[in-house]
Amino acid sequence: MKVSKGKAKKGEKMGKEFTTVSIPTSLYKKIEEKIKGSEISSVSSYVTKVLRGSLSQEQKIEEVFSKEDEEKVKERLKALGYID
């Protein structure tokens, strides 16, 4: 993994570490078109924003059921004959 440090680029903060991720050129161009004229300064900024949002959503989904809730659901499904 390549991690970059040093002079911050436009929209980046000093002291943060960055790495390079490859995406298809066609996707990069689509993102460029999408962010034209928006407040988003770069494809990297857009991708970072989307990935953070996605990870946040995944975390929320994982937190929907506690282990106790999951066991109650399994017990109910067994009682109804859906699982053994």
N, C-alpha and C. Protein backbone atom coordinates (compact mmCIF):
# COMPACT_ATOMS: atom_id res chain seq x y z
N MET A 1 0.84 -1.17 0.00
CA MET A 1 0.00 0.00 0.00
C MET A 1 0.89 1.24 0.00
N LYS A 2 0.64 2.14 -0.87
CA LYS A 2 1.39 3.38 -0.96
C LYS A 2 0.68 4.44 -0.11
N VAL A 3 1.40 5.00 0.83
CA VAL A 3 0.85 6.04 1.69
C VAL A 3 1.64 7.31 1.44
N SER A 4 0.91 8.38 1.18
CA SER A 4 1.55 9.65 0.86
C SER A 4 1.51 10.58 2.06
N LYS A 5 2.59 11.27 2.28
CA LYS A 5 2.66 12.33 3.29
C LYS A 5 3.35 13.50 2.63
N GLY A 6 3.15 14.63 3.21
CA GLY A 6 3.87 15.77 2.67
C GLY A 6 2.94 16.92 2.36
N LYS A 7 3.28 17.65 1.33
CA LYS A 7 2.54 18.84 0.95
C LYS A 7 1.10 18.49 0.60
N ALA A 8 0.16 19.19 1.26
CA ALA A 8 -1.26 18.93 1.01
C ALA A 8 -1.68 19.53 -0.32
N LYS A 9 -2.53 18.81 -1.01
CA LYS A 9 -3.10 19.31 -2.25
C LYS A 9 -4.34 20.11 -1.92
N LYS A 10 -4.90 20.76 -2.90
CA LYS A 10 -6.11 21.55 -2.72
C LYS A 10 -7.19 20.69 -2.06
N GLY A 11 -7.76 21.18 -0.95
CA GLY A 11 -8.83 20.48 -0.27
C GLY A 11 -8.36 19.44 0.73
N GLU A 12 -7.05 19.19 0.81
CA GLU A 12 -6.52 18.21 1.74
C GLU A 12 -5.91 18.93 2.94
N LYS A 13 -5.88 18.26 4.07
CA LYS A 13 -5.34 18.85 5.29
C LYS A 13 -3.97 18.26 5.57
N MET A 14 -3.06 19.08 6.01
CA MET A 14 -1.72 18.61 6.36
C MET A 14 -1.81 17.65 7.53
N GLY A 15 -0.89 16.68 7.58
CA GLY A 15 -0.83 15.75 8.67
C GLY A 15 -1.66 14.49 8.45
N LYS A 16 -2.52 14.48 7.46
CA LYS A 16 -3.29 13.28 7.16
C LYS A 16 -2.50 12.42 6.20
N GLU A 17 -2.66 11.13 6.32
CA GLU A 17 -2.01 10.22 5.40
C GLU A 17 -3.00 9.80 4.33
N PHE A 18 -2.51 9.59 3.14
CA PHE A 18 -3.35 9.20 2.02
C PHE A 18 -2.73 8.00 1.32
N THR A 19 -3.55 7.26 0.63
CA THR A 19 -3.08 6.13 -0.16
C THR A 19 -3.69 6.23 -1.55
N THR A 20 -3.14 5.53 -2.48
CA THR A 20 -3.63 5.55 -3.84
C THR A 20 -4.53 4.34 -4.07
N VAL A 21 -5.69 4.57 -4.65
CA VAL A 21 -6.62 3.50 -5.01
C VAL A 21 -6.91 3.64 -6.50
N SER A 22 -6.89 2.53 -7.21
CA SER A 22 -7.14 2.57 -8.65
C SER A 22 -8.61 2.29 -8.94
N ILE A 23 -9.17 3.09 -9.82
CA ILE A 23 -10.52 2.86 -10.31
C ILE A 23 -10.48 2.94 -11.83
N PRO A 24 -11.45 2.32 -12.51
CA PRO A 24 -11.44 2.40 -13.97
C PRO A 24 -11.51 3.86 -14.44
N THR A 25 -10.81 4.15 -15.52
CA THR A 25 -10.78 5.50 -16.08
C THR A 25 -12.18 5.99 -16.43
N SER A 26 -13.00 5.08 -16.95
CA SER A 26 -14.37 5.47 -17.32
C SER A 26 -15.16 5.94 -16.10
N LEU A 27 -14.96 5.29 -14.96
CA LEU A 27 -15.64 5.70 -13.72
C LEU A 27 -15.10 7.05 -13.25
N TYR A 28 -13.79 7.22 -13.32
CA TYR A 28 -13.17 8.48 -12.94
C TYR A 28 -13.77 9.64 -13.75
N LYS A 29 -13.90 9.43 -15.06
CA LYS A 29 -14.45 10.48 -15.94
C LYS A 29 -15.91 10.78 -15.61
N LYS A 30 -16.68 9.74 -15.28
CA LYS A 30 -18.09 9.95 -14.88
C LYS A 30 -18.17 10.78 -13.61
N ILE A 31 -17.29 10.49 -12.67
CA ILE A 31 -17.27 11.25 -11.41
C ILE A 31 -16.87 12.69 -11.68
N GLU A 32 -15.86 12.89 -12.54
CA GLU A 32 -15.45 14.25 -12.91
C GLU A 32 -16.63 15.05 -13.44
N GLU A 33 -17.39 14.43 -14.33
CA GLU A 33 -18.57 15.11 -14.91
C GLU A 33 -19.61 15.41 -13.84
N LYS A 34 -19.82 14.45 -12.95
CA LYS A 34 -20.83 14.60 -11.89
C LYS A 34 -20.51 15.76 -10.95
N ILE A 35 -19.23 15.95 -10.64
CA ILE A 35 -18.86 16.97 -9.65
C ILE A 35 -18.59 18.34 -10.25
N LYS A 36 -18.57 18.44 -11.59
CA LYS A 36 -18.35 19.74 -12.24
C LYS A 36 -19.37 20.74 -11.73
N GLY A 37 -18.89 21.88 -11.32
CA GLY A 37 -19.77 22.95 -10.86
C GLY A 37 -20.32 22.75 -9.46
N SER A 38 -19.87 21.70 -8.77
CA SER A 38 -20.34 21.47 -7.40
C SER A 38 -19.29 21.97 -6.40
N GLU A 39 -19.62 21.85 -5.13
CA GLU A 39 -18.68 22.28 -4.09
C GLU A 39 -17.58 21.25 -3.87
N ILE A 40 -17.70 20.09 -4.48
CA ILE A 40 -16.69 19.04 -4.32
C ILE A 40 -15.49 19.37 -5.20
N SER A 41 -14.31 19.41 -4.58
CA SER A 41 -13.14 19.92 -5.26
C SER A 41 -12.38 18.91 -6.11
N SER A 42 -12.60 17.60 -5.87
CA SER A 42 -11.84 16.61 -6.62
C SER A 42 -12.55 15.27 -6.62
N VAL A 43 -12.12 14.41 -7.52
CA VAL A 43 -12.65 13.05 -7.58
C VAL A 43 -12.32 12.34 -6.27
N SER A 44 -11.12 12.55 -5.76
CA SER A 44 -10.72 11.92 -4.49
C SER A 44 -11.65 12.33 -3.35
N SER A 45 -11.99 13.61 -3.29
CA SER A 45 -12.89 14.10 -2.25
C SER A 45 -14.26 13.45 -2.38
N TYR A 46 -14.75 13.33 -3.60
CA TYR A 46 -16.05 12.71 -3.84
C TYR A 46 -16.04 11.24 -3.42
N VAL A 47 -15.02 10.51 -3.85
CA VAL A 47 -14.93 9.09 -3.52
C VAL A 47 -14.83 8.90 -2.01
N THR A 48 -14.05 9.74 -1.35
CA THR A 48 -13.93 9.66 0.11
C THR A 48 -15.29 9.89 0.77
N LYS A 49 -16.01 10.89 0.31
CA LYS A 49 -17.33 11.19 0.87
C LYS A 49 -18.29 10.02 0.68
N VAL A 50 -18.31 9.45 -0.52
CA VAL A 50 -19.21 8.33 -0.81
C VAL A 50 -18.85 7.11 0.03
N LEU A 51 -17.57 6.80 0.13
CA LEU A 51 -17.15 5.64 0.91
C LEU A 51 -17.45 5.81 2.39
N ARG A 52 -17.23 7.00 2.92
CA ARG A 52 -17.57 7.25 4.33
C ARG A 52 -19.06 7.06 4.57
N GLY A 53 -19.87 7.56 3.65
CA GLY A 53 -21.32 7.39 3.77
C GLY A 53 -21.72 5.93 3.71
N SER A 54 -21.12 5.20 2.80
CA SER A 54 -21.42 3.79 2.65
C SER A 54 -21.04 3.00 3.90
N LEU A 55 -19.86 3.26 4.43
CA LEU A 55 -19.43 2.57 5.64
C LEU A 55 -20.30 2.92 6.83
N SER A 56 -20.73 4.17 6.90
CA SER A 56 -21.62 4.59 7.97
C SER A 56 -22.95 3.85 7.89
N GLN A 57 -23.49 3.71 6.68
CA GLN A 57 -24.75 2.98 6.49
C GLN A 57 -24.60 1.51 6.88
N GLU A 58 -23.48 0.90 6.49
CA GLU A 58 -23.24 -0.50 6.84
C GLU A 58 -23.20 -0.67 8.35
N GLN A 59 -22.56 0.27 9.03
CA GLN A 59 -22.45 0.20 10.48
C GLN A 59 -23.84 0.31 11.11
N LYS A 60 -24.69 1.19 10.59
CA LYS A 60 -26.04 1.34 11.11
C LYS A 60 -26.84 0.07 10.92
N ILE A 61 -26.69 -0.57 9.77
CA ILE A 61 -27.40 -1.81 9.49
C ILE A 61 -26.96 -2.90 10.46
N GLU A 62 -25.66 -2.99 10.71
CA GLU A 62 -25.13 -3.99 11.63
C GLU A 62 -25.65 -3.79 13.04
N GLU A 63 -25.96 -2.56 13.41
CA GLU A 63 -26.38 -2.26 14.77
C GLU A 63 -27.90 -2.38 14.97
N VAL A 64 -28.63 -2.78 13.95
CA VAL A 64 -30.08 -2.86 14.04
C VAL A 64 -30.51 -3.89 15.09
N PHE A 65 -29.92 -5.08 15.08
CA PHE A 65 -30.26 -6.12 16.02
C PHE A 65 -29.12 -6.38 16.99
N SER A 66 -29.46 -6.43 18.27
CA SER A 66 -28.47 -6.87 19.25
C SER A 66 -28.44 -8.39 19.21
N LYS A 67 -27.48 -9.00 19.86
CA LYS A 67 -27.41 -10.47 19.92
C LYS A 67 -28.68 -11.02 20.57
N GLU A 68 -29.16 -10.34 21.58
CA GLU A 68 -30.38 -10.76 22.27
C GLU A 68 -31.58 -10.71 21.31
N ASP A 69 -31.69 -9.63 20.54
CA ASP A 69 -32.77 -9.51 19.56
C ASP A 69 -32.69 -10.62 18.51
N GLU A 70 -31.48 -10.89 18.07
CA GLU A 70 -31.28 -11.92 17.06
C GLU A 70 -31.73 -13.29 17.59
N GLU A 71 -31.40 -13.59 18.83
CA GLU A 71 -31.81 -14.86 19.43
C GLU A 71 -33.33 -14.95 19.55
N LYS A 72 -33.98 -13.86 19.90
CA LYS A 72 -35.44 -13.84 20.00
C LYS A 72 -36.08 -14.12 18.63
N VAL A 73 -35.54 -13.52 17.60
CA VAL A 73 -36.05 -13.74 16.24
C VAL A 73 -35.86 -15.20 15.84
N LYS A 74 -34.69 -15.76 16.12
CA LYS A 74 -34.42 -17.16 15.79
C LYS A 74 -35.39 -18.09 16.53
N GLU A 75 -35.61 -17.80 17.80
CA GLU A 75 -36.55 -18.61 18.58
C GLU A 75 -37.95 -18.54 17.99
N ARG A 76 -38.36 -17.37 17.60
CA ARG A 76 -39.69 -17.19 17.01
C ARG A 76 -39.81 -17.93 15.68
N LEU A 77 -38.76 -17.84 14.85
CA LEU A 77 -38.77 -18.55 13.57
C LEU A 77 -38.80 -20.06 13.78
N LYS A 78 -38.10 -20.56 14.80
CA LYS A 78 -38.15 -21.99 15.12
C LYS A 78 -39.56 -22.38 15.55
N ALA A 79 -40.17 -21.57 16.40
CA ALA A 79 -41.52 -21.86 16.88
C ALA A 79 -42.53 -21.88 15.73
N LEU A 80 -42.27 -21.09 14.72
CA LEU A 80 -43.17 -21.05 13.56
C LEU A 80 -42.84 -22.13 12.53
N GLY A 81 -41.73 -22.84 12.74
CA GLY A 81 -41.36 -23.92 11.85
C GLY A 81 -40.55 -23.50 10.64
N TYR A 82 -40.06 -22.27 10.62
CA TYR A 82 -39.27 -21.81 9.47
C TYR A 82 -37.84 -22.29 9.50
N ILE A 83 -37.29 -22.51 10.71
CA ILE A 83 -35.92 -23.02 10.82
C ILE A 83 -35.91 -24.12 11.86
N ASP A 84 -34.90 -24.99 11.78
CA ASP A 84 -34.77 -26.12 12.74
C ASP A 84 -33.96 -25.71 13.94
